[in-house]
Amino acid sequence: MPVEFSTTGFCPAFGGGKVARESEALGFDVQMFGENHAMAADVFGEMRLAVAETARIKLLCGPVNFVTRDPGVVASAIAPIQVASGGRAICGIARGDSAVAMAGRRPQRQADLERDLGYLRTYLDRGTVSFPERESRLEWIGELAYAPVPVELVCSGPRTIALAAQRAERIGLSVGGSPERVRWAMEIIDKALAEAGRTRDDVTVVAFIPFAVTDDRAGGCAALVPRVSGWAHMSSFPGIDLSQQPERMRRVTEALRAGYDYRYHGGNAPGENPNNRVIDEDFADWFGIGGPPSYIVDRLGELVELGVRCFGSALGPGERERFARDVMPAVRALAD
């Protein structure tokens, strides 16, 4: 399976076409559109703009969630993008992070996520969802040329990782870039795949990692510090047993669970903020990957050997272009 590269972020209003077009020109395989009604315009509207201005790149939503969006509404929003793009849509799903927090809600409970993921899959497969009082399906698809949209479940805790392995086509790991944590996640994936009668060939494992592309390792470690908390706090959600995490990680996730401030969630947040105060260079360097391109290539090569087949990044101008030019082709060559 070839190695893919995904790029993400909150899209400027009405900028979906431009953002995806630029990512496609740089060689990225997937454009992910961040979901947060307070910080970005509707993700599906931006994706429709991207369809018209791109030809190759895959278009991934979110991840969206079932707390602020009903499964049928999600299905009805992503399916037209699949039709219009000729099969380039991916439906990203998660328990809910900043979009849920900005609505004054909490991440979805595991049992409800499992139920709604089943509803979504049925809708996307053109099936009928049965409720006590009525049945529901995407009737409007009719005879349109439509292939079921693949689902990418973004996950950080063991139960959701296992659910993704059993029910999704793509497993979006938000566990950082440490080989130790990726290996831990892959063991959960392999066990869940076997229980579901699936293999690694049935899924694409994606790793979302904080990156910093710099001239040296010291600069990379320093640059990672303000970039890690937004990713690491996903491993602090209620329901995740923090006692099972490595000690250096638990110190951080316990602090983030107690006091993560969503006012400073996103790439435009000032570097000096309460979320970043719990991150030191040692943890940032363990959780993220920062340094010159050659170092990043070596680190990603380790993760490819573990089974990762797509890497998600959220880099700003300058570093993004350097990553595309000096890292992506080299990692792809390692996997060939």
Protein backbone atom coordinates (compact mmCIF):
# COMPACT_ATOMS: atom_id res chain seq x y z
CA MET A 1 0.00 0.00 0.00
CA PRO A 2 1.52 3.39 -0.95
CA VAL A 3 2.15 6.05 1.70
CA GLU A 4 -0.18 9.06 1.68
CA PHE A 5 0.12 12.51 3.19
CA SER A 6 -2.78 14.50 4.58
CA THR A 7 -2.84 18.20 5.42
CA THR A 8 -5.37 19.86 7.68
CA GLY A 9 -6.42 23.05 9.41
CA PHE A 10 -9.35 25.40 9.82
CA CYS A 11 -10.17 26.77 6.37
CA PRO A 12 -10.77 30.50 5.80
CA ALA A 13 -14.40 31.16 4.89
CA PHE A 14 -15.00 30.47 1.19
CA GLY A 15 -11.35 29.41 0.85
CA GLY A 16 -11.87 25.66 0.44
CA GLY A 17 -11.16 25.68 -3.26
CA LYS A 18 -7.94 27.66 -2.98
CA VAL A 19 -6.68 25.68 0.01
CA ALA A 20 -7.28 22.29 -1.64
CA ARG A 21 -5.89 23.45 -4.98
CA GLU A 22 -2.64 24.56 -3.34
CA SER A 23 -2.36 21.31 -1.39
CA GLU A 24 -2.91 19.30 -4.56
CA ALA A 25 -0.18 21.27 -6.35
CA LEU A 26 2.24 20.54 -3.50
CA GLY A 27 1.60 16.81 -3.83
CA PHE A 28 -0.54 16.10 -0.79
CA ASP A 29 -2.90 13.15 -1.17
CA VAL A 30 -5.65 14.26 1.24
CA GLN A 31 -7.05 17.65 2.17
CA MET A 32 -8.75 17.56 5.54
CA PHE A 33 -11.11 20.40 6.46
CA GLY A 34 -11.20 21.11 10.19
CA GLU A 35 -14.66 21.05 11.82
CA ASN A 36 -15.63 23.80 14.24
CA HIS A 37 -18.66 26.01 13.67
CA ALA A 38 -17.14 28.80 15.78
CA MET A 39 -13.73 28.82 14.12
CA ALA A 40 -14.52 27.94 10.49
CA ALA A 41 -17.38 28.06 8.00
CA ASP A 42 -19.32 24.85 7.34
CA VAL A 43 -16.90 22.10 6.43
CA PHE A 44 -19.11 20.55 3.75
CA GLY A 45 -19.60 23.89 2.01
CA GLU A 46 -15.83 24.33 1.83
CA MET A 47 -15.45 20.80 0.48
CA ARG A 48 -17.93 21.52 -2.34
CA LEU A 49 -15.82 24.50 -3.35
CA ALA A 50 -12.75 22.24 -3.31
CA VAL A 51 -14.40 19.71 -5.62
CA ALA A 52 -14.69 22.33 -8.36
CA GLU A 53 -11.04 23.40 -8.17
CA THR A 54 -9.22 20.06 -7.84
CA ALA A 55 -8.85 16.88 -9.84
CA ARG A 56 -6.85 14.39 -7.78
CA ILE A 57 -6.69 15.15 -4.07
CA LYS A 58 -9.02 13.32 -1.67
CA LEU A 59 -11.34 15.50 0.41
CA LEU A 60 -11.80 14.61 4.08
CA CYS A 61 -14.25 16.25 6.49
CA GLY A 62 -13.60 17.09 10.04
CA PRO A 63 -13.59 14.93 11.85
CA VAL A 64 -17.27 15.73 12.33
CA ASN A 65 -19.20 14.27 15.24
CA PHE A 66 -22.62 12.89 16.13
CA VAL A 67 -23.17 15.29 19.02
CA THR A 68 -23.70 18.36 16.83
CA ARG A 69 -24.68 16.47 13.63
CA ASP A 70 -27.10 13.56 13.17
CA PRO A 71 -25.65 10.53 11.31
CA GLY A 72 -28.21 10.95 8.52
CA VAL A 73 -27.33 14.62 8.13
CA VAL A 74 -23.63 13.75 7.92
CA ALA A 75 -24.33 11.09 5.29
CA SER A 76 -26.49 13.44 3.23
CA ALA A 77 -23.76 16.10 3.35
CA ILE A 78 -20.79 13.92 2.37
CA ALA A 79 -22.50 11.75 -0.28
CA PRO A 80 -22.99 14.63 -2.79
CA ILE A 81 -19.29 15.43 -2.47
CA GLN A 82 -18.52 11.81 -3.32
CA VAL A 83 -20.72 12.02 -6.42
CA ALA A 84 -19.45 15.40 -7.60
CA SER A 85 -15.77 14.55 -7.04
CA GLY A 86 -15.89 11.19 -8.78
CA GLY A 87 -15.22 9.24 -5.59
CA ARG A 88 -12.69 11.40 -3.74
CA ALA A 89 -14.62 11.98 -0.49
CA ILE A 90 -13.69 10.58 2.94
CA CYS A 91 -15.98 10.94 5.94
CA GLY A 92 -14.00 11.76 9.08
CA ILE A 93 -15.73 10.98 12.38
CA ALA A 94 -14.73 11.37 16.04
CA ARG A 95 -16.32 11.53 19.49
CA GLY A 96 -16.16 15.31 19.37
CA ASP A 97 -13.49 17.83 20.31
CA SER A 98 -13.48 21.60 19.83
CA ALA A 99 -16.73 21.67 17.83
CA VAL A 100 -18.50 19.95 20.71
CA ALA A 101 -16.84 22.15 23.33
CA MET A 102 -17.86 25.30 21.47
CA ALA A 103 -21.47 24.06 21.58
CA GLY A 104 -21.27 23.62 25.34
CA ARG A 105 -21.44 19.85 25.01
CA ARG A 106 -19.22 16.89 25.93
CA PRO A 107 -17.61 14.23 23.69
CA GLN A 108 -19.93 11.39 22.75
CA ARG A 109 -20.14 8.28 24.91
CA GLN A 110 -18.64 5.14 23.41
CA ALA A 111 -21.92 3.20 23.14
CA ASP A 112 -23.61 6.09 21.36
CA LEU A 113 -20.64 6.45 19.00
CA GLU A 114 -20.88 2.77 18.08
CA ARG A 115 -24.64 3.07 17.42
CA ASP A 116 -24.36 6.22 15.31
CA LEU A 117 -21.38 4.89 13.39
CA GLY A 118 -23.57 1.96 12.40
CA TYR A 119 -26.33 4.32 11.25
CA LEU A 120 -23.83 6.33 9.21
CA ARG A 121 -22.39 3.23 7.55
CA THR A 122 -25.88 2.02 6.63
CA TYR A 123 -26.80 5.38 5.10
CA LEU A 124 -23.52 5.58 3.16
CA ASP A 125 -24.00 2.03 1.85
CA ARG A 126 -27.45 3.04 0.50
CA GLY A 127 -29.12 0.95 3.16
CA THR A 128 -32.20 1.62 5.26
CA VAL A 129 -32.00 2.64 8.90
CA SER A 130 -34.94 1.41 10.94
CA PHE A 131 -36.28 3.49 13.81
CA PRO A 132 -39.25 2.52 16.05
CA GLU A 133 -41.66 4.80 14.17
CA ARG A 134 -40.22 4.97 10.64
CA GLU A 135 -37.45 3.98 8.22
CA SER A 136 -34.86 6.29 6.71
CA ARG A 137 -32.42 6.17 3.81
CA LEU A 138 -30.78 8.50 1.29
CA GLU A 139 -33.58 8.29 -1.26
CA TRP A 140 -32.23 11.17 -3.34
CA ILE A 141 -29.16 9.21 -4.50
CA GLY A 142 -31.38 7.17 -6.79
CA GLU A 143 -29.43 6.10 -9.88
CA LEU A 144 -26.58 8.58 -9.45
CA ALA A 145 -23.07 7.22 -9.97
CA TYR A 146 -22.14 6.73 -6.34
CA ALA A 147 -19.63 4.51 -4.52
CA PRO A 148 -19.95 4.23 -0.72
CA VAL A 149 -17.86 6.85 1.07
CA PRO A 150 -15.02 5.43 3.19
CA VAL A 151 -15.11 6.34 6.88
CA GLU A 152 -12.08 7.51 8.84
CA LEU A 153 -12.62 7.23 12.59
CA VAL A 154 -10.18 9.47 14.45
CA CYS A 155 -9.22 7.94 17.79
CA SER A 156 -6.81 8.14 20.70
CA GLY A 157 -8.16 5.76 23.38
CA PRO A 158 -8.03 1.95 23.19
CA ARG A 159 -11.78 1.35 22.86
CA THR A 160 -12.18 3.79 19.98
CA ILE A 161 -9.04 2.50 18.27
CA ALA A 162 -10.51 -1.01 18.43
CA LEU A 163 -13.85 0.24 17.11
CA ALA A 164 -12.10 1.91 14.17
CA ALA A 165 -10.28 -1.32 13.34
CA GLN A 166 -13.53 -3.26 13.37
CA ARG A 167 -15.84 -0.83 11.58
CA ALA A 168 -13.97 1.85 9.60
CA GLU A 169 -11.95 1.85 6.39
CA ARG A 170 -9.41 4.31 7.76
CA ILE A 171 -8.07 4.48 11.34
CA GLY A 172 -7.00 8.00 12.27
CA LEU A 173 -4.59 7.69 15.19
CA SER A 174 -4.17 10.78 17.35
CA VAL A 175 -1.55 9.30 19.68
CA GLY A 176 1.50 11.30 18.61
CA GLY A 177 4.61 10.23 16.73
CA SER A 178 6.43 8.19 19.36
CA PRO A 179 7.15 4.67 18.05
CA GLU A 180 6.24 3.43 21.54
CA ARG A 181 2.69 4.81 21.31
CA VAL A 182 2.19 3.90 17.67
CA ARG A 183 3.30 0.34 18.41
CA TRP A 184 0.83 0.25 21.33
CA ALA A 185 -1.97 1.38 19.01
CA MET A 186 -1.01 -1.12 16.32
CA GLU A 187 -1.25 -3.98 18.81
CA ILE A 188 -4.83 -2.91 19.62
CA ILE A 189 -5.59 -2.62 15.91
CA ASP A 190 -4.24 -6.05 15.09
CA LYS A 191 -6.23 -7.71 17.87
CA ALA A 192 -9.44 -5.93 16.87
CA LEU A 193 -8.93 -6.71 13.18
CA ALA A 194 -8.51 -10.40 13.95
CA GLU A 195 -11.67 -10.43 16.07
CA ALA A 196 -13.60 -8.83 13.20
CA GLY A 197 -12.18 -11.19 10.57
CA ARG A 198 -10.27 -8.37 8.91
CA THR A 199 -6.59 -7.78 8.07
CA ARG A 200 -4.33 -4.76 7.68
CA ASP A 201 -5.12 -4.85 3.96
CA ASP A 202 -8.70 -3.87 4.81
CA VAL A 203 -7.76 -0.58 6.49
CA THR A 204 -5.50 2.43 6.10
CA VAL A 205 -3.76 3.47 9.31
CA VAL A 206 -3.33 7.24 9.54
CA ALA A 207 -1.10 8.97 12.11
CA PHE A 208 -1.84 12.61 12.96
CA ILE A 209 1.42 14.04 14.28
CA PRO A 210 2.62 17.50 15.37
CA PHE A 211 5.54 18.37 13.07
CA ALA A 212 8.15 21.12 12.97
CA VAL A 213 10.44 21.42 9.94
CA THR A 214 13.59 23.28 10.98
CA ASP A 215 17.30 23.45 10.18
CA ASP A 216 18.41 21.53 13.27
CA ARG A 217 17.10 19.30 16.04
CA ALA A 218 17.29 21.97 18.73
CA GLY A 219 15.11 24.29 16.69
CA GLY A 220 12.69 21.46 16.04
CA CYS A 221 12.25 20.67 19.72
CA ALA A 222 11.63 24.32 20.57
CA ALA A 223 9.17 24.80 17.70
CA LEU A 224 7.13 21.76 18.77
CA VAL A 225 6.34 23.06 22.27
CA PRO A 226 3.41 25.32 21.24
CA ARG A 227 2.13 22.75 18.72
CA VAL A 228 1.68 19.67 20.88
CA SER A 229 -1.02 20.48 23.44
CA GLY A 230 -3.88 20.58 20.93
CA TRP A 231 -3.05 17.04 19.81
CA ALA A 232 -2.05 15.63 23.19
CA HIS A 233 -5.27 16.72 24.91
CA MET A 234 -7.18 14.26 22.69
CA SER A 235 -5.53 11.54 24.76
CA SER A 236 -6.94 13.14 27.93
CA PHE A 237 -10.67 12.82 27.14
CA PRO A 238 -12.99 11.45 29.85
CA GLY A 239 -13.34 7.70 29.44
CA ILE A 240 -9.66 7.17 28.64
CA ASP A 241 -7.81 5.43 31.49
CA LEU A 242 -4.86 7.76 32.02
CA SER A 243 -3.25 5.32 34.47
CA GLN A 244 -2.42 3.06 31.52
CA GLN A 245 -0.36 5.75 29.77
CA PRO A 246 3.43 6.12 30.08
CA GLU A 247 4.35 8.28 33.07
CA ARG A 248 5.74 11.14 30.97
CA MET A 249 2.48 11.25 29.02
CA ARG A 250 0.22 10.89 32.04
CA ARG A 251 1.71 13.99 33.68
CA VAL A 252 0.65 16.02 30.64
CA THR A 253 -2.75 14.43 29.98
CA GLU A 254 -3.81 14.75 33.62
CA ALA A 255 -3.06 18.48 33.49
CA LEU A 256 -4.83 18.88 30.13
CA ARG A 257 -7.90 16.96 31.29
CA ALA A 258 -8.19 19.27 34.29
CA GLY A 259 -7.63 22.56 32.50
CA TYR A 260 -7.54 22.51 28.69
CA ASP A 261 -8.76 25.92 27.49
CA TYR A 262 -10.50 25.84 24.10
CA ARG A 263 -10.00 29.58 23.71
CA TYR A 264 -6.45 28.67 22.72
CA HIS A 265 -7.32 25.75 20.44
CA GLY A 266 -6.06 26.24 16.88
CA GLY A 267 -3.08 27.42 14.90
CA ASN A 268 -3.68 31.11 15.57
CA ALA A 269 -3.46 30.84 19.36
CA PRO A 270 -0.63 32.81 21.01
CA GLY A 271 2.34 30.65 21.94
CA GLU A 272 2.16 31.74 25.57
CA ASN A 273 -1.09 30.28 26.88
CA PRO A 274 -2.26 27.95 29.67
CA ASN A 275 -2.39 24.89 27.42
CA ASN A 276 1.24 25.19 26.41
CA ARG A 277 2.55 25.76 29.93
CA VAL A 278 2.22 22.05 30.70
CA ILE A 279 4.39 21.11 27.68
CA ASP A 280 8.19 21.01 27.96
CA GLU A 281 10.68 20.28 25.19
CA ASP A 282 11.27 16.71 26.35
CA PHE A 283 7.60 15.79 26.03
CA ALA A 284 7.15 17.78 22.83
CA ASP A 285 10.08 15.93 21.24
CA TRP A 286 8.66 12.57 22.36
CA PHE A 287 5.09 13.23 21.22
CA GLY A 288 5.86 15.20 18.04
CA ILE A 289 8.54 15.06 15.37
CA GLY A 290 10.70 18.13 14.82
CA GLY A 291 14.01 18.82 13.11
CA PRO A 292 15.57 18.87 9.64
CA PRO A 293 13.87 16.97 6.80
CA SER A 294 16.36 14.10 6.93
CA TYR A 295 15.53 13.46 10.59
CA ILE A 296 11.78 13.57 9.93
CA VAL A 297 12.20 11.12 7.04
CA ASP A 298 14.03 8.66 9.30
CA ARG A 299 11.38 8.94 12.00
CA LEU A 300 8.52 8.44 9.56
CA GLY A 301 10.34 5.48 8.07
CA GLU A 302 10.14 3.79 11.50
CA LEU A 303 6.38 4.35 11.58
CA VAL A 304 5.92 3.04 8.05
CA GLU A 305 7.61 -0.17 9.19
CA LEU A 306 5.05 -0.39 12.01
CA GLY A 307 2.20 -0.18 9.50
CA VAL A 308 1.29 3.52 9.21
CA ARG A 309 0.24 4.35 5.64
CA CYS A 310 -0.83 7.98 5.91
CA PHE A 311 0.59 10.92 7.86
CA GLY A 312 -1.52 13.93 8.81
CA SER A 313 0.09 17.33 9.37
CA ALA A 314 -0.99 20.89 10.14
CA LEU A 315 1.98 22.99 9.07
CA GLY A 316 1.99 26.67 8.25
CA PRO A 317 3.42 28.46 5.18
CA GLY A 318 7.09 27.78 4.55
CA GLU A 319 7.31 24.61 6.59
CA ARG A 320 4.41 23.11 4.65
CA GLU A 321 6.19 23.61 1.33
CA ARG A 322 9.46 22.31 2.72
CA PHE A 323 7.71 19.23 4.13
CA ALA A 324 6.11 18.55 0.74
CA ARG A 325 9.37 18.99 -1.14
CA ASP A 326 11.93 17.37 1.16
CA VAL A 327 10.01 14.88 3.30
CA MET A 328 7.08 13.42 1.37
CA PRO A 329 8.97 12.11 -1.72
CA ALA A 330 11.70 10.59 0.45
CA VAL A 331 9.22 8.73 2.68
CA ARG A 332 7.28 7.50 -0.35
CA ALA A 333 10.53 6.16 -1.81
CA LEU A 334 11.25 4.28 1.43
CA ALA A 335 7.88 2.53 1.16
CA ASP A 336 8.26 1.52 -2.50
